[in-house]
Amino acid sequence: MTDINLDEIDLQILERLQNEGRITNVELAQSVGLTAPPCLRRMRALEDSGIITDYHAAIDPAKMGFTITVFAMVSLKSQAESDLQAFEEHIESLPEVRECYMLNGEIDFMLKVVAKDLQEFQKFLTSKLTSAPNVASVKTSLTIRSAKNLPGVPIRE
């Protein structure tokens, strides 16, 4: 939990930025009922507090030639902290891996991997993932379609 107190205007700012990251400060200020300078100060405070961590563009993978998205469930031979860190460092070096989560349970890591086609994914799997040090097994599931893909978190419940 955060130790910053978010008021209604902060929540509106977060909601607008999460849904429309390219909005100008002037447009954002108008939409939340502020003038531009205090709106910008609030945005900077949200950034400084670590609530807003980054800004980026959402890119359509298929239009960039990445037609395959696969979720890979990785089990390691050892869960010693040094082995976990070594695996995470290896994953950091693989641009095909877009997301990596350490899990509690049978599977140690869940990876979201993109590839241009099945042949490229197979090459990635055998040369970069299953051959990585300390990997015991990898189970993969090829996505068929995405039914929901929202960034961030629900601002209001």
C-alpha atoms as a PDB file:
ATOM      1  CA  MET A   1       0.000   0.000   0.000  1.00  0.00           C
ATOM      2  CA  THR A   2       1.170   3.494  -0.739  1.00  0.00           C
ATOM      3  CA  ASP A   3       1.665   6.126   1.952  1.00  0.00           C
ATOM      4  CA  ILE A   4       0.529   8.972  -0.293  1.00  0.00           C
ATOM      5  CA  ASN A   5      -3.036  10.167   0.187  1.00  0.00           C
ATOM      6  CA  LEU A   6      -4.808  10.236  -3.150  1.00  0.00           C
ATOM      7  CA  ASP A   7      -7.745  12.582  -3.443  1.00  0.00           C
ATOM      8  CA  GLU A   8     -10.446  12.580  -6.120  1.00  0.00           C
ATOM      9  CA  ILE A   9      -8.404  14.778  -8.480  1.00  0.00           C
ATOM     10  CA  ASP A  10      -5.355  12.499  -8.168  1.00  0.00           C
ATOM     11  CA  LEU A  11      -7.558   9.509  -9.036  1.00  0.00           C
ATOM     12  CA  GLN A  12      -8.970  11.366 -12.043  1.00  0.00           C
ATOM     13  CA  ILE A  13      -5.442  12.231 -13.212  1.00  0.00           C
ATOM     14  CA  LEU A  14      -4.323   8.619 -12.857  1.00  0.00           C
ATOM     15  CA  GLU A  15      -7.384   7.304 -14.657  1.00  0.00           C
ATOM     16  CA  ARG A  16      -6.991   9.709 -17.581  1.00  0.00           C
ATOM     17  CA  LEU A  17      -3.251   9.075 -17.940  1.00  0.00           C
ATOM     18  CA  GLN A  18      -3.685   5.306 -17.736  1.00  0.00           C
ATOM     19  CA  ASN A  19      -6.368   5.388 -20.429  1.00  0.00           C
ATOM     20  CA  GLU A  20      -4.868   8.148 -22.582  1.00  0.00           C
ATOM     21  CA  GLY A  21      -1.156   8.586 -21.966  1.00  0.00           C
ATOM     22  CA  ARG A  22      -0.674  11.102 -24.789  1.00  0.00           C
ATOM     23  CA  ILE A  23      -3.072  13.638 -23.336  1.00  0.00           C
ATOM     24  CA  THR A  24      -1.466  17.055 -22.978  1.00  0.00           C
ATOM     25  CA  ASN A  25      -1.134  18.626 -19.558  1.00  0.00           C
ATOM     26  CA  VAL A  26      -3.548  21.380 -20.617  1.00  0.00           C
ATOM     27  CA  GLU A  27      -6.186  18.836 -21.715  1.00  0.00           C
ATOM     28  CA  LEU A  28      -5.625  16.785 -18.571  1.00  0.00           C
ATOM     29  CA  ALA A  29      -5.941  19.855 -16.356  1.00  0.00           C
ATOM     30  CA  GLN A  30      -9.180  20.905 -18.050  1.00  0.00           C
ATOM     31  CA  SER A  31     -10.648  17.410 -17.706  1.00  0.00           C
ATOM     32  CA  VAL A  32      -9.990  17.289 -13.941  1.00  0.00           C
ATOM     33  CA  GLY A  33     -10.974  20.901 -13.240  1.00  0.00           C
ATOM     34  CA  LEU A  34      -7.532  22.412 -12.657  1.00  0.00           C
ATOM     35  CA  THR A  35      -5.288  24.872 -14.413  1.00  0.00           C
ATOM     36  CA  ALA A  36      -2.141  23.528 -16.035  1.00  0.00           C
ATOM     37  CA  PRO A  37       0.481  24.397 -13.334  1.00  0.00           C
ATOM     38  CA  PRO A  38      -1.194  22.641 -10.368  1.00  0.00           C
ATOM     39  CA  CYS A  39      -2.058  19.685 -12.597  1.00  0.00           C
ATOM     40  CA  LEU A  40       1.589  19.361 -13.606  1.00  0.00           C
ATOM     41  CA  ARG A  41       2.650  19.594  -9.935  1.00  0.00           C
ATOM     42  CA  ARG A  42       0.262  16.775  -9.059  1.00  0.00           C
ATOM     43  CA  MET A  43       1.573  14.648 -11.933  1.00  0.00           C
ATOM     44  CA  ARG A  44       5.164  15.223 -10.766  1.00  0.00           C
ATOM     45  CA  ALA A  45       4.167  14.287  -7.198  1.00  0.00           C
ATOM     46  CA  LEU A  46       2.566  11.065  -8.486  1.00  0.00           C
ATOM     47  CA  GLU A  47       5.775  10.305 -10.409  1.00  0.00           C
ATOM     48  CA  ASP A  48       8.025  11.184  -7.453  1.00  0.00           C
ATOM     49  CA  SER A  49       5.970   8.948  -5.145  1.00  0.00           C
ATOM     50  CA  GLY A  50       6.438   6.016  -7.537  1.00  0.00           C
ATOM     51  CA  ILE A  51       2.732   5.633  -8.318  1.00  0.00           C
ATOM     52  CA  ILE A  52       3.354   6.636 -11.936  1.00  0.00           C
ATOM     53  CA  THR A  53       6.368   4.556 -12.925  1.00  0.00           C
ATOM     54  CA  ASP A  54       6.653   5.003 -16.678  1.00  0.00           C
ATOM     55  CA  TYR A  55       5.120   6.243 -19.903  1.00  0.00           C
ATOM     56  CA  HIS A  56       5.136   4.208 -23.097  1.00  0.00           C
ATOM     57  CA  ALA A  57       3.295   3.558 -26.329  1.00  0.00           C
ATOM     58  CA  ALA A  58       1.223   0.406 -26.791  1.00  0.00           C
ATOM     59  CA  ILE A  59       2.399  -1.253 -29.998  1.00  0.00           C
ATOM     60  CA  ASP A  60       0.446  -3.855 -31.947  1.00  0.00           C
ATOM     61  CA  PRO A  61       2.738  -6.916 -32.046  1.00  0.00           C
ATOM     62  CA  ALA A  62       1.172  -8.347 -35.221  1.00  0.00           C
ATOM     63  CA  LYS A  63       1.741  -5.117 -37.125  1.00  0.00           C
ATOM     64  CA  MET A  64       5.407  -5.362 -36.140  1.00  0.00           C
ATOM     65  CA  GLY A  65       5.551  -8.954 -37.423  1.00  0.00           C
ATOM     66  CA  PHE A  66       5.196 -10.720 -34.055  1.00  0.00           C
ATOM     67  CA  THR A  67       2.279 -13.030 -34.807  1.00  0.00           C
ATOM     68  CA  ILE A  68       2.907 -15.529 -32.005  1.00  0.00           C
ATOM     69  CA  THR A  69       2.408 -14.953 -28.273  1.00  0.00           C
ATOM     70  CA  VAL A  70       3.244 -17.820 -25.945  1.00  0.00           C
ATOM     71  CA  PHE A  71       3.046 -18.222 -22.187  1.00  0.00           C
ATOM     72  CA  ALA A  72       5.879 -20.354 -20.874  1.00  0.00           C
ATOM     73  CA  MET A  73       5.781 -21.936 -17.432  1.00  0.00           C
ATOM     74  CA  VAL A  74       9.315 -22.552 -16.234  1.00  0.00           C
ATOM     75  CA  SER A  75      10.365 -24.836 -13.395  1.00  0.00           C
ATOM     76  CA  LEU A  76      13.905 -24.565 -12.061  1.00  0.00           C
ATOM     77  CA  LYS A  77      16.072 -27.297 -10.563  1.00  0.00           C
ATOM     78  CA  SER A  78      16.943 -25.064  -7.602  1.00  0.00           C
ATOM     79  CA  GLN A  79      15.108 -22.220  -5.932  1.00  0.00           C
ATOM     80  CA  ALA A  80      18.144 -20.873  -4.090  1.00  0.00           C
ATOM     81  CA  GLU A  81      18.141 -17.085  -4.267  1.00  0.00           C
ATOM     82  CA  SER A  82      21.324 -17.017  -6.332  1.00  0.00           C
ATOM     83  CA  ASP A  83      19.773 -19.405  -8.876  1.00  0.00           C
ATOM     84  CA  LEU A  84      16.566 -17.363  -9.026  1.00  0.00           C
ATOM     85  CA  GLN A  85      18.568 -14.190  -9.616  1.00  0.00           C
ATOM     86  CA  ALA A  86      20.714 -15.865 -12.273  1.00  0.00           C
ATOM     87  CA  PHE A  87      17.571 -16.975 -14.118  1.00  0.00           C
ATOM     88  CA  GLU A  88      16.058 -13.481 -13.893  1.00  0.00           C
ATOM     89  CA  GLU A  89      19.289 -11.965 -15.260  1.00  0.00           C
ATOM     90  CA  HIS A  90      19.225 -14.444 -18.152  1.00  0.00           C
ATOM     91  CA  ILE A  91      15.595 -13.534 -18.896  1.00  0.00           C
ATOM     92  CA  GLU A  92      16.495  -9.815 -18.861  1.00  0.00           C
ATOM     93  CA  SER A  93      18.853 -10.492 -21.780  1.00  0.00           C
ATOM     94  CA  LEU A  94      16.112 -12.066 -23.936  1.00  0.00           C
ATOM     95  CA  PRO A  95      14.117  -9.431 -25.855  1.00  0.00           C
ATOM     96  CA  GLU A  96      11.492 -12.002 -26.874  1.00  0.00           C
ATOM     97  CA  VAL A  97      10.437 -12.278 -23.221  1.00  0.00           C
ATOM     98  CA  ARG A  98       8.114  -9.335 -22.656  1.00  0.00           C
ATOM     99  CA  GLU A  99       6.944 -10.197 -19.135  1.00  0.00           C
ATOM    100  CA  CYS A 100       8.322 -12.427 -16.391  1.00  0.00           C
ATOM    101  CA  TYR A 101       6.655 -13.263 -13.092  1.00  0.00           C
ATOM    102  CA  MET A 102       7.981 -15.402 -10.257  1.00  0.00           C
ATOM    103  CA  LEU A 103       5.171 -17.616  -8.970  1.00  0.00           C
ATOM    104  CA  ASN A 104       4.338 -19.484  -5.810  1.00  0.00           C
ATOM    105  CA  GLY A 105       3.599 -23.164  -6.390  1.00  0.00           C
ATOM    106  CA  GLU A 106       4.697 -25.849  -8.824  1.00  0.00           C
ATOM    107  CA  ILE A 107       5.849 -23.417 -11.488  1.00  0.00           C
ATOM    108  CA  ASP A 108       8.668 -21.022 -10.644  1.00  0.00           C
ATOM    109  CA  PHE A 109       8.234 -18.455 -13.438  1.00  0.00           C
ATOM    110  CA  MET A 110       5.585 -17.470 -15.965  1.00  0.00           C
ATOM    111  CA  LEU A 111       6.909 -15.773 -19.092  1.00  0.00           C
ATOM    112  CA  LYS A 112       5.110 -13.956 -21.880  1.00  0.00           C
ATOM    113  CA  VAL A 113       7.086 -14.510 -25.073  1.00  0.00           C
ATOM    114  CA  VAL A 114       6.552 -13.056 -28.541  1.00  0.00           C
ATOM    115  CA  ALA A 115       7.895 -14.437 -31.814  1.00  0.00           C
ATOM    116  CA  LYS A 116       7.443 -13.767 -35.512  1.00  0.00           C
ATOM    117  CA  ASP A 117       6.292 -17.343 -36.191  1.00  0.00           C
ATOM    118  CA  LEU A 118       6.274 -20.855 -34.717  1.00  0.00           C
ATOM    119  CA  GLN A 119       9.662 -21.718 -36.188  1.00  0.00           C
ATOM    120  CA  GLU A 120      11.240 -18.671 -34.527  1.00  0.00           C
ATOM    121  CA  PHE A 121       9.552 -19.540 -31.228  1.00  0.00           C
ATOM    122  CA  GLN A 122      10.813 -23.141 -31.436  1.00  0.00           C
ATOM    123  CA  LYS A 123      14.349 -21.861 -32.013  1.00  0.00           C
ATOM    124  CA  PHE A 124      14.014 -19.487 -29.036  1.00  0.00           C
ATOM    125  CA  LEU A 125      12.656 -22.288 -26.854  1.00  0.00           C
ATOM    126  CA  THR A 126      15.427 -24.769 -27.603  1.00  0.00           C
ATOM    127  CA  SER A 127      18.408 -22.428 -27.890  1.00  0.00           C
ATOM    128  CA  LYS A 128      17.658 -19.778 -25.277  1.00  0.00           C
ATOM    129  CA  LEU A 129      15.114 -21.019 -22.750  1.00  0.00           C
ATOM    130  CA  THR A 130      15.258 -24.773 -22.130  1.00  0.00           C
ATOM    131  CA  SER A 131      19.044 -24.696 -22.413  1.00  0.00           C
ATOM    132  CA  ALA A 132      19.395 -21.960 -19.779  1.00  0.00           C
ATOM    133  CA  PRO A 133      21.245 -22.960 -16.608  1.00  0.00           C
ATOM    134  CA  ASN A 134      19.091 -24.441 -13.839  1.00  0.00           C
ATOM    135  CA  VAL A 135      15.974 -24.923 -16.030  1.00  0.00           C
ATOM    136  CA  ALA A 136      14.301 -28.227 -15.164  1.00  0.00           C
ATOM    137  CA  SER A 137      11.272 -27.987 -17.451  1.00  0.00           C
ATOM    138  CA  VAL A 138       9.290 -25.617 -19.631  1.00  0.00           C
ATOM    139  CA  LYS A 139       5.611 -25.979 -20.470  1.00  0.00           C
ATOM    140  CA  THR A 140       4.204 -23.681 -23.135  1.00  0.00           C
ATOM    141  CA  SER A 141       0.768 -22.535 -24.196  1.00  0.00           C
ATOM    142  CA  LEU A 142       0.265 -20.742 -27.493  1.00  0.00           C
ATOM    143  CA  THR A 143      -2.348 -18.004 -27.345  1.00  0.00           C
ATOM    144  CA  ILE A 144      -5.253 -18.157 -29.775  1.00  0.00           C
ATOM    145  CA  ARG A 145      -6.610 -14.685 -29.161  1.00  0.00           C
ATOM    146  CA  SER A 146      -6.731 -12.005 -26.518  1.00  0.00           C
ATOM    147  CA  ALA A 147     -10.099 -11.420 -24.907  1.00  0.00           C
ATOM    148  CA  LYS A 148      -8.901  -8.622 -22.615  1.00  0.00           C
ATOM    149  CA  ASN A 149      -5.674  -6.674 -22.361  1.00  0.00           C
ATOM    150  CA  LEU A 150      -5.827  -3.628 -20.102  1.00  0.00           C
ATOM    151  CA  PRO A 151      -2.811  -1.736 -18.800  1.00  0.00           C
ATOM    152  CA  GLY A 152      -2.350  -0.801 -15.159  1.00  0.00           C
ATOM    153  CA  VAL A 153      -4.884  -1.326 -12.401  1.00  0.00           C
ATOM    154  CA  PRO A 154      -8.542  -0.476 -11.816  1.00  0.00           C
ATOM    155  CA  ILE A 155      -8.427   3.073 -10.430  1.00  0.00           C
ATOM    156  CA  ARG A 156     -11.937   2.978  -9.019  1.00  0.00           C
ATOM    157  CA  GLU A 157     -13.763  -0.047  -7.695  1.00  0.00           C
END
